[in-house]
Amino acid sequence: MSPTVSRKVIPLPRRGGPGTGEPPPGRKRPTRVLAVTSGKGGVGKTNIVANLGFTLSRLGKKVMILDADLGLGNLDVLLGIAPRWNISHVIRGERVLADILAEGPGPMQILPAASGIQELTRLNAEQKLQLFSDLDRLIDGVDLLLIDTAAGISSNVMDFSVMAQEIVVVVSPEPTSITDAYALMKVLSLKYAEKSCKLLVNLAASPREARDVFRQLELVTGRFLDIRIEYWGHILRDDHLARGVKHQRLVSELYPESRAGRCFTELARRVIATPPAHRPKGDTHLFWHHLVRGHHP
């Protein structure tokens, strides 16, 4: 395994004004916020977030990733970076979010989580509101914020998912993953009144297998839940992924023409080409009305 290295923080430049296609200085440029989540762990969600963020960066987008698996974060390990601070320091009041920003490949910006701190998995509403408020200000000027949630249906997972404009559910072809993905969407629909989500099938043997997984979930959700699933494609099973993980490098960086690398390019282009979902009203990028109303499963 290659040694970890510290990476410096990249400042976010301010742009905008007449003729640039962006808001004038002083006005927010809307940030597209995608939460990437899964019902079951081990489906490659963090690898997807990292490779998608890298590919979007290479396509000219300003990308920030929030590792929202607060107690078991490993995005920094996957990327081979060794940040000095993480979200645990922010929660304890020792640092602010801007202090913990680290540079990842692409370049993209990373907000790292902590690992092995159990209390971070049970943030109260006040802590979450403060974190979301600080994050809302920090991402001003960022094109896309990708939120890598923990797996499952805990309140942390749900809150980080529904504060985003779009929810991407990652599933693998395994029956347990499909069952848990349905359970996740059930909670999103019944407890949080979510009406739509994207579905991404990872570790698929073929495009046909991925489509079959989508059809299974579309059939059962259409029958029992009031939620619409949009198919966002697949990432094919590829040995190059494991090779990249061993070297703490992304497959999109090391092997862009591999089966998986081409899938990530296609996914990134799909994200860019798809119109973003409706945005929050007012001077904010994120939703947090569910916290104010106390909607917790």
Protein backbone atom coordinates (compact mmCIF):
# COMPACT_ATOMS: atom_id res chain seq x y z
CA MET A 1 0.00 0.00 0.00
CA SER A 2 1.39 3.38 -0.95
CA PRO A 3 2.08 5.83 1.89
CA THR A 4 -0.52 8.45 2.74
CA VAL A 5 0.27 12.06 2.07
CA SER A 6 -1.19 15.30 3.35
CA ARG A 7 -2.72 17.54 0.73
CA LYS A 8 -3.16 21.27 1.06
CA VAL A 9 -6.53 22.98 0.94
CA ILE A 10 -7.62 24.62 -2.30
CA PRO A 11 -9.30 28.00 -1.82
CA LEU A 12 -12.64 28.44 -3.53
CA PRO A 13 -12.35 31.26 -6.07
CA ARG A 14 -15.13 33.80 -6.47
CA ARG A 15 -16.36 34.28 -9.98
CA GLY A 16 -19.35 35.79 -11.69
CA GLY A 17 -20.73 38.87 -13.32
CA PRO A 18 -22.10 39.94 -16.69
CA GLY A 19 -21.24 37.65 -19.59
CA THR A 20 -19.90 34.81 -17.43
CA GLY A 21 -23.11 32.84 -17.14
CA GLU A 22 -22.78 32.96 -13.36
CA PRO A 23 -24.30 35.15 -10.67
CA PRO A 24 -22.70 38.51 -9.92
CA PRO A 25 -20.29 38.72 -6.98
CA GLY A 26 -22.14 38.60 -3.68
CA ARG A 27 -24.94 36.37 -4.97
CA LYS A 28 -25.03 32.64 -4.41
CA ARG A 29 -24.38 30.31 -7.30
CA PRO A 30 -26.76 27.40 -6.71
CA THR A 31 -25.03 24.20 -5.66
CA ARG A 32 -26.43 20.88 -6.76
CA VAL A 33 -26.54 18.53 -3.78
CA LEU A 34 -26.63 14.74 -4.26
CA ALA A 35 -26.82 12.27 -1.39
CA VAL A 36 -25.44 8.85 -2.25
CA THR A 37 -26.79 6.20 0.09
CA SER A 38 -27.51 2.48 0.38
CA GLY A 39 -29.58 0.13 2.46
CA LYS A 40 -26.73 -2.34 2.89
CA GLY A 41 -23.05 -1.81 3.54
CA GLY A 42 -20.39 -3.27 1.30
CA VAL A 43 -21.98 -2.30 -2.02
CA GLY A 44 -19.14 0.07 -2.99
CA LYS A 45 -20.92 3.33 -2.23
CA THR A 46 -17.83 5.28 -1.11
CA ASN A 47 -15.87 4.12 -4.14
CA ILE A 48 -18.70 5.35 -6.35
CA VAL A 49 -18.80 8.76 -4.66
CA ALA A 50 -15.03 9.20 -4.94
CA ASN A 51 -14.81 8.14 -8.59
CA LEU A 52 -17.86 10.17 -9.57
CA GLY A 53 -16.46 13.25 -7.84
CA PHE A 54 -13.09 12.78 -9.52
CA THR A 55 -14.64 12.36 -12.97
CA LEU A 56 -16.91 15.38 -12.52
CA SER A 57 -13.86 17.43 -11.50
CA ARG A 58 -12.03 16.33 -14.64
CA LEU A 59 -15.05 17.48 -16.65
CA GLY A 60 -14.62 20.98 -15.24
CA LYS A 61 -16.98 20.95 -12.25
CA LYS A 62 -16.11 22.25 -8.79
CA VAL A 63 -16.83 19.29 -6.55
CA MET A 64 -16.91 18.88 -2.78
CA ILE A 65 -17.50 15.56 -1.02
CA LEU A 66 -18.85 15.28 2.50
CA ASP A 67 -18.03 11.99 4.19
CA ALA A 68 -21.23 11.66 6.21
CA ASP A 69 -20.46 8.21 7.58
CA LEU A 70 -19.54 10.16 10.68
CA GLY A 71 -18.40 7.36 12.99
CA LEU A 72 -16.86 5.01 10.41
CA GLY A 73 -15.61 7.35 7.70
CA ASN A 74 -13.00 5.95 5.33
CA LEU A 75 -13.06 8.24 2.31
CA ASP A 76 -9.69 9.71 3.28
CA VAL A 77 -8.15 6.21 3.43
CA LEU A 78 -9.59 5.34 0.02
CA LEU A 79 -8.04 8.50 -1.45
CA GLY A 80 -4.69 8.11 0.31
CA ILE A 81 -4.90 11.41 2.17
CA ALA A 82 -4.16 12.10 5.82
CA PRO A 83 -6.20 15.12 6.94
CA ARG A 84 -5.18 16.75 10.19
CA TRP A 85 -8.77 17.44 11.27
CA ASN A 86 -12.17 15.95 10.59
CA ILE A 87 -15.84 16.45 11.43
CA SER A 88 -15.37 15.20 14.99
CA HIS A 89 -13.33 18.35 15.69
CA VAL A 90 -16.16 20.47 14.27
CA ILE A 91 -18.83 18.73 16.37
CA ARG A 92 -16.72 19.29 19.50
CA GLY A 93 -16.34 22.97 18.66
CA GLU A 94 -12.58 22.79 18.16
CA ARG A 95 -12.68 23.67 14.45
CA VAL A 96 -15.09 25.04 11.85
CA LEU A 97 -15.92 23.22 8.63
CA ALA A 98 -13.64 25.42 6.53
CA ASP A 99 -10.69 24.33 8.68
CA ILE A 100 -11.06 20.66 7.84
CA LEU A 101 -11.30 20.98 4.05
CA ALA A 102 -8.69 18.77 2.41
CA GLU A 103 -7.63 18.45 -1.21
CA GLY A 104 -8.36 15.25 -3.05
CA PRO A 105 -7.46 14.18 -6.58
CA GLY A 106 -9.18 15.85 -9.47
CA PRO A 107 -8.87 18.28 -7.75
CA MET A 108 -11.90 18.01 -5.50
CA GLN A 109 -12.44 19.11 -1.93
CA ILE A 110 -13.06 16.66 0.89
CA LEU A 111 -14.78 17.10 4.24
CA PRO A 112 -13.46 14.02 6.09
CA ALA A 113 -15.29 12.11 8.79
CA ALA A 114 -13.84 10.39 11.84
CA SER A 115 -13.48 6.67 12.39
CA GLY A 116 -14.20 4.79 15.60
CA ILE A 117 -16.07 7.59 17.42
CA GLN A 118 -19.44 6.11 18.31
CA GLU A 119 -21.10 9.28 19.60
CA LEU A 120 -20.92 10.80 16.11
CA THR A 121 -23.44 8.24 14.90
CA ARG A 122 -26.07 9.76 17.20
CA LEU A 123 -26.02 13.51 16.61
CA ASN A 124 -28.95 15.40 18.10
CA ALA A 125 -31.13 17.77 16.09
CA GLU A 126 -29.30 20.87 17.33
CA GLN A 127 -25.92 19.47 16.28
CA LYS A 128 -27.27 18.53 12.86
CA LEU A 129 -28.89 21.92 12.30
CA GLN A 130 -25.63 23.69 13.16
CA LEU A 131 -23.66 21.38 10.88
CA PHE A 132 -26.11 21.81 8.00
CA SER A 133 -26.17 25.59 8.44
CA ASP A 134 -22.36 25.81 8.35
CA LEU A 135 -22.24 23.48 5.35
CA ASP A 136 -24.79 25.60 3.49
CA ARG A 137 -22.49 28.62 3.75
CA LEU A 138 -19.34 26.67 2.91
CA ILE A 139 -20.59 25.26 -0.39
CA ASP A 140 -21.40 28.64 -1.89
CA GLY A 141 -19.53 28.62 -5.20
CA VAL A 142 -19.34 24.82 -5.46
CA ASP A 143 -21.02 23.18 -8.48
CA LEU A 144 -21.79 19.83 -6.87
CA LEU A 145 -21.79 18.59 -3.29
CA LEU A 146 -21.74 14.80 -3.04
CA ILE A 147 -22.78 13.42 0.35
CA ASP A 148 -21.47 9.93 1.10
CA THR A 149 -23.88 8.72 3.78
CA ALA A 150 -23.53 5.70 6.01
CA ALA A 151 -25.50 2.59 5.06
CA GLY A 152 -28.83 1.69 6.63
CA ILE A 153 -31.85 3.61 7.89
CA SER A 154 -30.55 5.39 11.00
CA SER A 155 -31.63 8.98 11.66
CA ASN A 156 -28.19 10.22 10.59
CA VAL A 157 -28.50 8.47 7.23
CA MET A 158 -32.04 9.74 6.67
CA ASP A 159 -31.25 13.33 7.64
CA PHE A 160 -28.20 13.58 5.42
CA SER A 161 -30.18 12.01 2.57
CA VAL A 162 -33.30 14.14 2.66
CA MET A 163 -31.44 17.43 3.09
CA ALA A 164 -30.10 16.90 -0.45
CA GLN A 165 -31.96 17.84 -3.60
CA GLU A 166 -31.45 14.39 -5.12
CA ILE A 167 -31.02 10.97 -3.52
CA VAL A 168 -29.00 8.28 -5.29
CA VAL A 169 -29.54 4.77 -3.91
CA VAL A 170 -26.70 2.33 -4.63
CA VAL A 171 -27.58 -1.34 -4.88
CA SER A 172 -25.75 -4.49 -5.94
CA PRO A 173 -27.32 -7.54 -7.61
CA GLU A 174 -27.26 -9.52 -4.35
CA PRO A 175 -30.73 -10.35 -2.94
CA THR A 176 -29.87 -8.89 0.49
CA SER A 177 -28.79 -5.61 -1.10
CA ILE A 178 -32.00 -5.42 -3.13
CA THR A 179 -34.12 -6.13 -0.04
CA ASP A 180 -32.30 -3.49 2.01
CA ALA A 181 -32.55 -0.94 -0.80
CA TYR A 182 -36.31 -1.44 -0.78
CA ALA A 183 -36.37 -0.99 3.02
CA LEU A 184 -34.45 2.27 2.65
CA MET A 185 -36.83 3.58 0.01
CA LYS A 186 -39.78 2.52 2.17
CA VAL A 187 -38.54 4.72 5.02
CA LEU A 188 -37.85 7.60 2.63
CA SER A 189 -41.37 7.34 1.26
CA LEU A 190 -43.41 6.67 4.40
CA LYS A 191 -41.49 8.64 7.02
CA TYR A 192 -40.06 11.50 4.97
CA ALA A 193 -42.58 11.78 2.10
CA GLU A 194 -39.86 11.52 -0.55
CA LYS A 195 -41.41 11.11 -4.00
CA SER A 196 -38.42 10.12 -6.11
CA CYS A 197 -34.88 8.80 -6.03
CA LYS A 198 -32.22 7.66 -8.48
CA LEU A 199 -31.02 4.06 -8.61
CA LEU A 200 -27.44 3.07 -9.44
CA VAL A 201 -26.54 -0.61 -9.73
CA ASN A 202 -22.96 -1.38 -8.73
CA LEU A 203 -20.90 -4.54 -9.26
CA ALA A 204 -23.11 -5.65 -12.13
CA ALA A 205 -21.88 -8.48 -14.35
CA SER A 206 -23.57 -6.89 -17.35
CA PRO A 207 -25.87 -4.00 -18.29
CA ARG A 208 -28.68 -6.54 -18.59
CA GLU A 209 -28.20 -7.75 -15.00
CA ALA A 210 -28.25 -4.15 -13.78
CA ARG A 211 -31.50 -3.48 -15.65
CA ASP A 212 -33.04 -6.59 -14.11
CA VAL A 213 -32.23 -5.28 -10.62
CA PHE A 214 -33.85 -1.97 -11.48
CA ARG A 215 -36.99 -3.68 -12.81
CA GLN A 216 -37.33 -5.74 -9.62
CA LEU A 217 -37.21 -2.66 -7.44
CA GLU A 218 -39.38 -0.60 -9.77
CA LEU A 219 -42.06 -3.30 -9.71
CA VAL A 220 -42.24 -3.63 -5.93
CA THR A 221 -41.98 0.09 -5.16
CA GLY A 222 -44.58 0.89 -7.79
CA ARG A 223 -46.96 -1.56 -6.17
CA PHE A 224 -46.47 -0.73 -2.50
CA LEU A 225 -44.84 2.73 -2.23
CA ASP A 226 -45.56 6.23 -3.45
CA ILE A 227 -42.03 6.82 -4.75
CA ARG A 228 -40.68 6.92 -8.30
CA ILE A 229 -37.32 5.36 -9.16
CA GLU A 230 -35.21 6.77 -11.98
CA TYR A 231 -32.56 4.45 -13.39
CA TRP A 232 -29.17 6.18 -13.35
CA GLY A 233 -27.14 3.37 -14.83
CA HIS A 234 -24.61 0.85 -13.62
CA ILE A 235 -20.98 0.28 -12.71
CA LEU A 236 -19.69 -3.02 -14.06
CA ARG A 237 -17.73 -5.44 -11.92
CA ASP A 238 -14.05 -4.85 -12.68
CA ASP A 239 -10.84 -6.16 -11.13
CA HIS A 240 -9.24 -2.76 -11.77
CA LEU A 241 -11.35 -1.36 -8.92
CA ALA A 242 -9.69 -3.63 -6.37
CA ARG A 243 -6.25 -2.79 -7.75
CA GLY A 244 -6.93 0.90 -7.30
CA VAL A 245 -8.15 0.41 -3.72
CA LYS A 246 -4.96 -1.46 -2.82
CA HIS A 247 -2.88 1.49 -4.01
CA GLN A 248 -5.26 4.09 -2.52
CA ARG A 249 -5.90 5.46 -6.01
CA LEU A 250 -9.14 5.77 -7.95
CA VAL A 251 -9.89 3.51 -10.89
CA SER A 252 -11.02 6.60 -12.84
CA GLU A 253 -7.55 8.06 -12.35
CA LEU A 254 -5.43 4.94 -12.89
CA TYR A 255 -7.53 3.06 -15.43
CA PRO A 256 -9.95 5.50 -17.09
CA GLU A 257 -10.48 3.18 -20.07
CA SER A 258 -11.30 0.14 -17.94
CA ARG A 259 -14.86 -1.21 -17.79
CA ALA A 260 -15.51 0.58 -14.52
CA GLY A 261 -13.67 3.73 -15.62
CA ARG A 262 -15.87 4.08 -18.68
CA CYS A 263 -18.96 3.54 -16.53
CA PHE A 264 -17.96 6.40 -14.24
CA THR A 265 -17.42 8.68 -17.23
CA GLU A 266 -20.89 7.79 -18.50
CA LEU A 267 -22.38 8.36 -15.04
CA ALA A 268 -20.69 11.77 -14.66
CA ARG A 269 -21.96 12.85 -18.08
CA ARG A 270 -25.44 11.68 -17.12
CA VAL A 271 -25.31 13.78 -13.94
CA ILE A 272 -24.27 16.85 -15.91
CA ALA A 273 -26.87 16.29 -18.63
CA THR A 274 -29.77 15.64 -16.21
CA PRO A 275 -31.56 18.81 -15.07
CA PRO A 276 -31.21 19.21 -11.30
CA ALA A 277 -34.21 18.72 -9.08
CA HIS A 278 -36.06 21.74 -7.73
CA ARG A 279 -34.02 23.83 -5.33
CA PRO A 280 -34.85 24.99 -1.82
CA LYS A 281 -36.64 28.28 -1.56
CA GLY A 282 -34.82 31.27 -0.16
CA ASP A 283 -31.14 31.84 0.44
CA THR A 284 -30.15 28.22 1.03
CA HIS A 285 -28.77 25.21 -0.82
CA LEU A 286 -30.06 22.51 1.53
CA PHE A 287 -33.31 21.22 2.99
CA TRP A 288 -33.66 20.84 6.74
CA HIS A 289 -37.38 21.41 7.38
CA HIS A 290 -37.66 17.72 8.34
CA LEU A 291 -35.42 18.39 11.34
CA VAL A 292 -37.44 21.37 12.47
CA ARG A 293 -40.60 19.26 12.32
CA GLY A 294 -38.90 16.41 14.14
CA HIS A 295 -39.46 13.82 11.41
CA HIS A 296 -37.32 10.91 12.52
CA PRO A 297 -38.01 7.28 11.78
